Amino acid sequence: MTSSNKKKILNGIIAAAMLLLVGTAYVAWERAQAQNNYERLSEQRNDQLAQEASTALPAPGLSETDQTGSAEGASINETSYSYKENINKKWLAINPDFMGWLQIPGTNIDYPFVRSKDNQDYLKRDFKGNYSEAGTLFMDYRNLGNFNDPHTLIYGHNMKNKSMFQNLTYYQNAEFFSQNQLIQLSGLYETRTYKIFSVYEISADDYVFTLQFENDTEYLAYLNGLEDLSLHRQDFDPEADQKLLTLVTCSYGVNNGRTIVHAVEISEK
């Protein structure tokens, strides 16, 4: 091989390595930008909640009757409903597919979620509709969107920078599972709290979720079946009126894997 050919090969290797380096750097930058954008949305929401909550508080000195509602004024509950509605109108103006906000204390999961005509729409689209590898958390298109379904499904990517639903994989650790069991789901008109009772890893080819049930007996049997799949055990005695929330993300412990987290509703306000 001539020195000229060797030089061409070397230059080709260097060029390929540089392209790979640039591509890797761009992907890392794009993921960081996506997370920064969502963090800004979260900060805006927190500011809105603080501002709206302060204006919703009753004035000092009001009687108990005035604070709980009278014929001449709105009740605390009505005011609370109003400011939640006002906040959500702002998010709906940004994205009409907005369904609510999902937070899990003890994790970095603090994101808006949407619902669209199918489960593909937001895989590579951020909350504002721009292309994004991180996508957006999205509710299953078969859900009604008002959390009155027996079973609500929300999906999100498992990103290498630990954003979106990556932290769900931490629930495979028994200690983390026992210490971080609450999920807060703030919808358009109410906030609901759920308690995690089951987590497991499974191939996407091996599960089909049921969203509707014939009766309470079938529903309770379904909940107990999900608990049987869990990596961790705890006291679990579900009631038929408790709604089920399932969170789904990719997982790499099995082929085409998914990490599944199940929780039941424990309060609504």
Protein backbone atom coordinates (compact mmCIF):
# COMPACT_ATOMS: atom_id res chain seq x y z
CA MET A 1 0.00 0.00 0.00
CA THR A 2 1.39 3.37 -1.00
CA SER A 3 1.86 6.16 1.50
CA SER A 4 -0.76 8.14 -0.42
CA ASN A 5 -3.38 5.42 0.11
CA LYS A 6 -2.45 5.09 3.77
CA LYS A 7 -2.93 8.82 4.20
CA LYS A 8 -6.36 8.68 2.54
CA ILE A 9 -7.43 5.85 4.83
CA LEU A 10 -6.15 7.68 7.89
CA ASN A 11 -7.95 10.87 6.85
CA GLY A 12 -11.14 8.87 6.33
CA ILE A 13 -10.90 7.34 9.79
CA ILE A 14 -10.28 10.76 11.34
CA ALA A 15 -13.24 12.27 9.46
CA ALA A 16 -15.55 9.42 10.54
CA ALA A 17 -14.41 9.77 14.15
CA MET A 18 -15.03 13.52 14.07
CA LEU A 19 -18.51 13.02 12.60
CA LEU A 20 -19.28 10.49 15.33
CA LEU A 21 -18.01 12.87 17.99
CA VAL A 22 -20.04 15.77 16.62
CA GLY A 23 -23.15 13.59 16.36
CA THR A 24 -22.77 12.32 19.92
CA ALA A 25 -22.24 15.85 21.22
CA TYR A 26 -25.32 17.09 19.36
CA VAL A 27 -27.53 14.32 20.76
CA ALA A 28 -26.33 15.10 24.30
CA TRP A 29 -26.94 18.82 23.73
CA GLU A 30 -30.43 18.18 22.31
CA ARG A 31 -31.39 16.03 25.31
CA ALA A 32 -30.09 18.65 27.73
CA GLN A 33 -32.04 21.36 25.91
CA ALA A 34 -35.22 19.29 26.06
CA GLN A 35 -34.85 18.84 29.82
CA ASN A 36 -34.06 22.55 30.29
CA ASN A 37 -37.23 23.43 28.39
CA TYR A 38 -39.33 21.20 30.64
CA GLU A 39 -37.67 22.61 33.75
CA ARG A 40 -38.64 26.11 32.61
CA LEU A 41 -42.23 24.94 32.14
CA SER A 42 -42.20 23.50 35.67
CA GLU A 43 -40.86 26.78 37.09
CA GLN A 44 -43.59 28.71 35.26
CA ARG A 45 -46.23 26.39 36.65
CA ASN A 46 -44.92 26.71 40.21
CA ASP A 47 -44.95 30.50 39.89
CA GLN A 48 -48.52 30.40 38.57
CA LEU A 49 -49.67 28.12 41.39
CA ALA A 50 -48.13 30.38 44.01
CA GLN A 51 -49.63 33.51 42.46
CA GLU A 52 -53.08 32.07 41.89
CA ALA A 53 -53.21 30.43 45.33
CA SER A 54 -52.37 33.71 47.05
CA THR A 55 -55.21 35.51 45.26
CA ALA A 56 -57.61 32.65 46.05
CA LEU A 57 -57.15 32.85 49.83
CA PRO A 58 -60.08 34.44 51.75
CA ALA A 59 -59.48 37.87 53.21
CA PRO A 60 -58.56 37.94 56.95
CA GLY A 61 -61.50 38.41 59.27
CA LEU A 62 -64.12 36.63 57.16
CA SER A 63 -66.56 34.54 59.12
CA GLU A 64 -66.58 30.77 58.79
CA THR A 65 -69.78 31.06 56.77
CA ASP A 66 -68.16 33.50 54.36
CA GLN A 67 -65.10 31.26 54.01
CA THR A 68 -67.10 28.16 53.23
CA GLY A 69 -69.54 29.92 50.97
CA SER A 70 -72.67 32.03 51.15
CA ALA A 71 -75.36 33.22 48.81
CA GLU A 72 -73.41 36.43 48.24
CA GLY A 73 -69.93 35.01 47.53
CA ALA A 74 -68.00 32.11 46.05
CA SER A 75 -66.86 29.28 48.32
CA ILE A 76 -63.26 28.27 48.89
CA ASN A 77 -63.86 25.18 46.76
CA GLU A 78 -65.32 27.28 43.95
CA THR A 79 -62.38 29.67 44.13
CA SER A 80 -59.90 26.77 44.14
CA TYR A 81 -61.67 25.28 41.12
CA SER A 82 -61.51 28.67 39.43
CA TYR A 83 -57.78 29.21 39.84
CA LYS A 84 -56.96 25.67 38.72
CA GLU A 85 -59.10 26.32 35.68
CA ASN A 86 -57.33 29.63 35.02
CA ILE A 87 -53.88 28.02 35.24
CA ASN A 88 -54.86 25.20 32.92
CA LYS A 89 -56.32 27.61 30.39
CA LYS A 90 -52.81 29.03 30.03
CA TRP A 91 -51.37 25.59 29.31
CA LEU A 92 -54.22 24.71 26.96
CA ALA A 93 -53.45 27.88 25.02
CA ILE A 94 -49.91 26.55 24.48
CA ASN A 95 -51.08 23.03 23.64
CA PRO A 96 -54.77 22.03 23.27
CA ASP A 97 -53.75 18.41 23.93
CA PHE A 98 -52.72 19.29 27.51
CA MET A 99 -54.34 16.97 30.05
CA GLY A 100 -52.55 17.78 33.29
CA TRP A 101 -49.34 17.63 35.28
CA LEU A 102 -47.58 14.59 36.76
CA GLN A 103 -45.27 14.81 39.78
CA ILE A 104 -43.57 12.08 41.81
CA PRO A 105 -41.92 13.37 45.01
CA GLY A 106 -38.45 11.90 45.51
CA THR A 107 -37.80 11.78 41.76
CA ASN A 108 -37.18 14.38 39.06
CA ILE A 109 -40.49 13.49 37.38
CA ASP A 110 -42.34 16.80 37.14
CA TYR A 111 -43.87 17.19 33.69
CA PRO A 112 -46.99 18.11 31.77
CA PHE A 113 -48.72 15.31 29.93
CA VAL A 114 -50.96 15.26 26.89
CA ARG A 115 -53.42 13.05 25.03
CA SER A 116 -53.70 12.83 21.25
CA LYS A 117 -55.46 10.87 18.54
CA ASP A 118 -52.96 8.01 18.85
CA ASN A 119 -49.98 6.88 20.91
CA GLN A 120 -47.40 7.92 18.30
CA ASP A 121 -47.98 11.67 18.12
CA TYR A 122 -45.72 12.74 20.98
CA LEU A 123 -42.97 10.14 20.83
CA LYS A 124 -40.66 12.69 19.15
CA ARG A 125 -42.50 15.93 19.84
CA ASP A 126 -42.13 18.20 22.87
CA PHE A 127 -44.97 19.95 24.67
CA LYS A 128 -44.80 22.92 22.30
CA GLY A 129 -44.87 20.73 19.21
CA ASN A 130 -41.18 20.91 18.30
CA TYR A 131 -39.08 17.89 17.36
CA SER A 132 -37.51 16.31 20.43
CA GLU A 133 -35.94 12.93 21.16
CA ALA A 134 -37.37 13.21 24.67
CA GLY A 135 -40.93 13.60 23.39
CA THR A 136 -43.73 14.37 25.86
CA LEU A 137 -45.45 12.30 28.52
CA PHE A 138 -48.74 11.16 27.02
CA MET A 139 -51.93 9.51 28.18
CA ASP A 140 -53.22 6.52 26.24
CA TYR A 141 -55.51 7.76 23.48
CA ARG A 142 -58.19 5.29 24.62
CA ASN A 143 -58.56 7.05 27.97
CA LEU A 144 -61.29 9.68 28.32
CA GLY A 145 -58.88 12.20 29.79
CA ASN A 146 -60.87 13.07 32.93
CA PHE A 147 -59.36 10.33 35.16
CA ASN A 148 -62.76 8.71 35.58
CA ASP A 149 -61.66 5.62 33.68
CA PRO A 150 -61.02 2.65 35.96
CA HIS A 151 -57.51 2.50 34.48
CA THR A 152 -55.43 5.43 33.20
CA LEU A 153 -52.20 4.81 31.27
CA ILE A 154 -49.37 7.35 30.86
CA TYR A 155 -46.23 6.70 28.80
CA GLY A 156 -42.84 8.41 28.69
CA HIS A 157 -39.31 7.86 27.39
CA ASN A 158 -36.42 6.51 29.47
CA MET A 159 -33.73 9.09 28.64
CA LYS A 160 -30.02 8.52 29.27
CA ASN A 161 -29.72 11.94 30.96
CA LYS A 162 -32.20 10.67 33.60
CA SER A 163 -35.04 12.86 32.35
CA MET A 164 -38.66 12.06 31.50
CA PHE A 165 -39.62 8.62 32.93
CA GLN A 166 -36.06 7.33 33.50
CA ASN A 167 -36.49 7.56 37.28
CA LEU A 168 -39.25 4.94 37.15
CA THR A 169 -36.50 2.34 36.81
CA TYR A 170 -35.35 3.24 40.34
CA TYR A 171 -38.48 1.54 41.69
CA GLN A 172 -36.88 -1.81 40.95
CA ASN A 173 -34.81 -1.09 44.08
CA ALA A 174 -36.73 -2.23 47.18
CA GLU A 175 -35.62 0.64 49.42
CA PHE A 176 -36.46 3.29 46.83
CA PHE A 177 -39.82 1.61 46.24
CA SER A 178 -40.73 1.71 49.94
CA GLN A 179 -39.67 5.34 50.43
CA ASN A 180 -41.18 7.01 47.34
CA GLN A 181 -44.69 5.70 46.85
CA LEU A 182 -46.85 8.76 46.14
CA ILE A 183 -47.78 10.20 42.75
CA GLN A 184 -49.63 13.48 42.28
CA LEU A 185 -51.73 13.88 39.16
CA SER A 186 -53.13 17.38 38.60
CA GLY A 187 -55.82 17.33 35.94
CA LEU A 188 -57.79 20.14 34.36
CA TYR A 189 -60.16 20.46 37.32
CA GLU A 190 -58.82 18.35 40.19
CA THR A 191 -55.71 16.91 41.80
CA ARG A 192 -55.48 13.23 42.67
CA THR A 193 -52.94 11.34 44.74
CA TYR A 194 -51.99 7.74 44.00
CA LYS A 195 -49.96 5.19 45.95
CA ILE A 196 -47.60 2.84 44.13
CA PHE A 197 -48.18 -0.85 44.84
CA SER A 198 -46.45 -2.71 42.01
CA VAL A 199 -43.38 -2.42 39.80
CA TYR A 200 -41.86 -4.92 37.40
CA GLU A 201 -39.95 -5.27 34.15
CA ILE A 202 -41.51 -7.10 31.23
CA SER A 203 -41.16 -7.48 27.48
CA ALA A 204 -43.46 -5.22 25.48
CA ASP A 205 -44.53 -8.35 23.61
CA ASP A 206 -45.86 -9.96 26.79
CA TYR A 207 -48.37 -7.49 28.17
CA VAL A 208 -51.78 -6.15 27.19
CA PHE A 209 -53.44 -3.69 29.56
CA THR A 210 -57.17 -3.77 30.28
CA LEU A 211 -58.80 -0.34 30.54
CA GLN A 212 -62.44 -1.28 31.19
CA PHE A 213 -63.96 -3.98 33.39
CA GLU A 214 -67.27 -5.82 33.50
CA ASN A 215 -67.71 -5.58 37.27
CA ASP A 216 -65.97 -4.91 40.60
CA THR A 217 -64.96 -8.55 41.01
CA GLU A 218 -63.12 -8.54 37.70
CA TYR A 219 -61.45 -5.22 38.51
CA LEU A 220 -60.24 -6.32 41.96
CA ALA A 221 -58.90 -9.56 40.51
CA TYR A 222 -57.00 -7.50 37.94
CA LEU A 223 -55.46 -5.29 40.64
CA ASN A 224 -54.39 -8.29 42.69
CA GLY A 225 -52.89 -9.87 39.58
CA LEU A 226 -50.78 -6.76 39.00
CA GLU A 227 -49.61 -6.89 42.61
CA ASP A 228 -48.57 -10.52 42.11
CA LEU A 229 -46.24 -9.39 39.31
CA SER A 230 -44.43 -6.88 41.53
CA LEU A 231 -40.77 -7.22 42.40
CA HIS A 232 -41.60 -6.09 45.95
CA ARG A 233 -44.27 -7.13 48.44
CA GLN A 234 -46.31 -5.00 50.82
CA ASP A 235 -49.77 -4.99 52.39
CA PHE A 236 -52.22 -4.41 49.57
CA ASP A 237 -55.99 -4.51 50.02
CA PRO A 238 -57.54 -2.53 47.15
CA GLU A 239 -61.12 -1.31 46.99
CA ALA A 240 -63.28 -1.30 43.90
CA ASP A 241 -63.70 2.48 43.86
CA GLN A 242 -59.94 3.13 43.73
CA LYS A 243 -58.84 4.19 40.25
CA LEU A 244 -55.74 2.58 38.76
CA LEU A 245 -52.84 4.57 37.28
CA THR A 246 -50.13 2.86 35.23
CA LEU A 247 -46.86 4.50 34.15
CA VAL A 248 -44.84 2.89 31.36
CA THR A 249 -41.30 3.48 30.11
CA CYS A 250 -38.63 1.59 28.16
CA SER A 251 -36.32 -0.76 30.04
CA TYR A 252 -33.13 -2.48 29.02
CA GLY A 253 -32.98 -5.49 31.33
CA VAL A 254 -34.99 -7.63 28.90
CA ASN A 255 -35.40 -7.62 25.14
CA ASN A 256 -37.80 -4.84 24.06
CA GLY A 257 -38.39 -4.30 27.76
CA ARG A 258 -40.70 -2.00 29.68
CA THR A 259 -40.63 -0.89 33.30
CA ILE A 260 -44.20 -0.77 34.59
CA VAL A 261 -45.32 1.12 37.70
CA HIS A 262 -48.87 0.69 39.03
CA ALA A 263 -50.59 2.90 41.62
CA VAL A 264 -54.10 3.23 43.06
CA GLU A 265 -55.87 6.47 43.90
CA ILE A 266 -55.97 7.34 47.59
CA SER A 267 -57.35 10.88 47.52
CA GLU A 268 -58.97 13.53 45.35
CA LYS A 269 -59.38 17.27 45.87
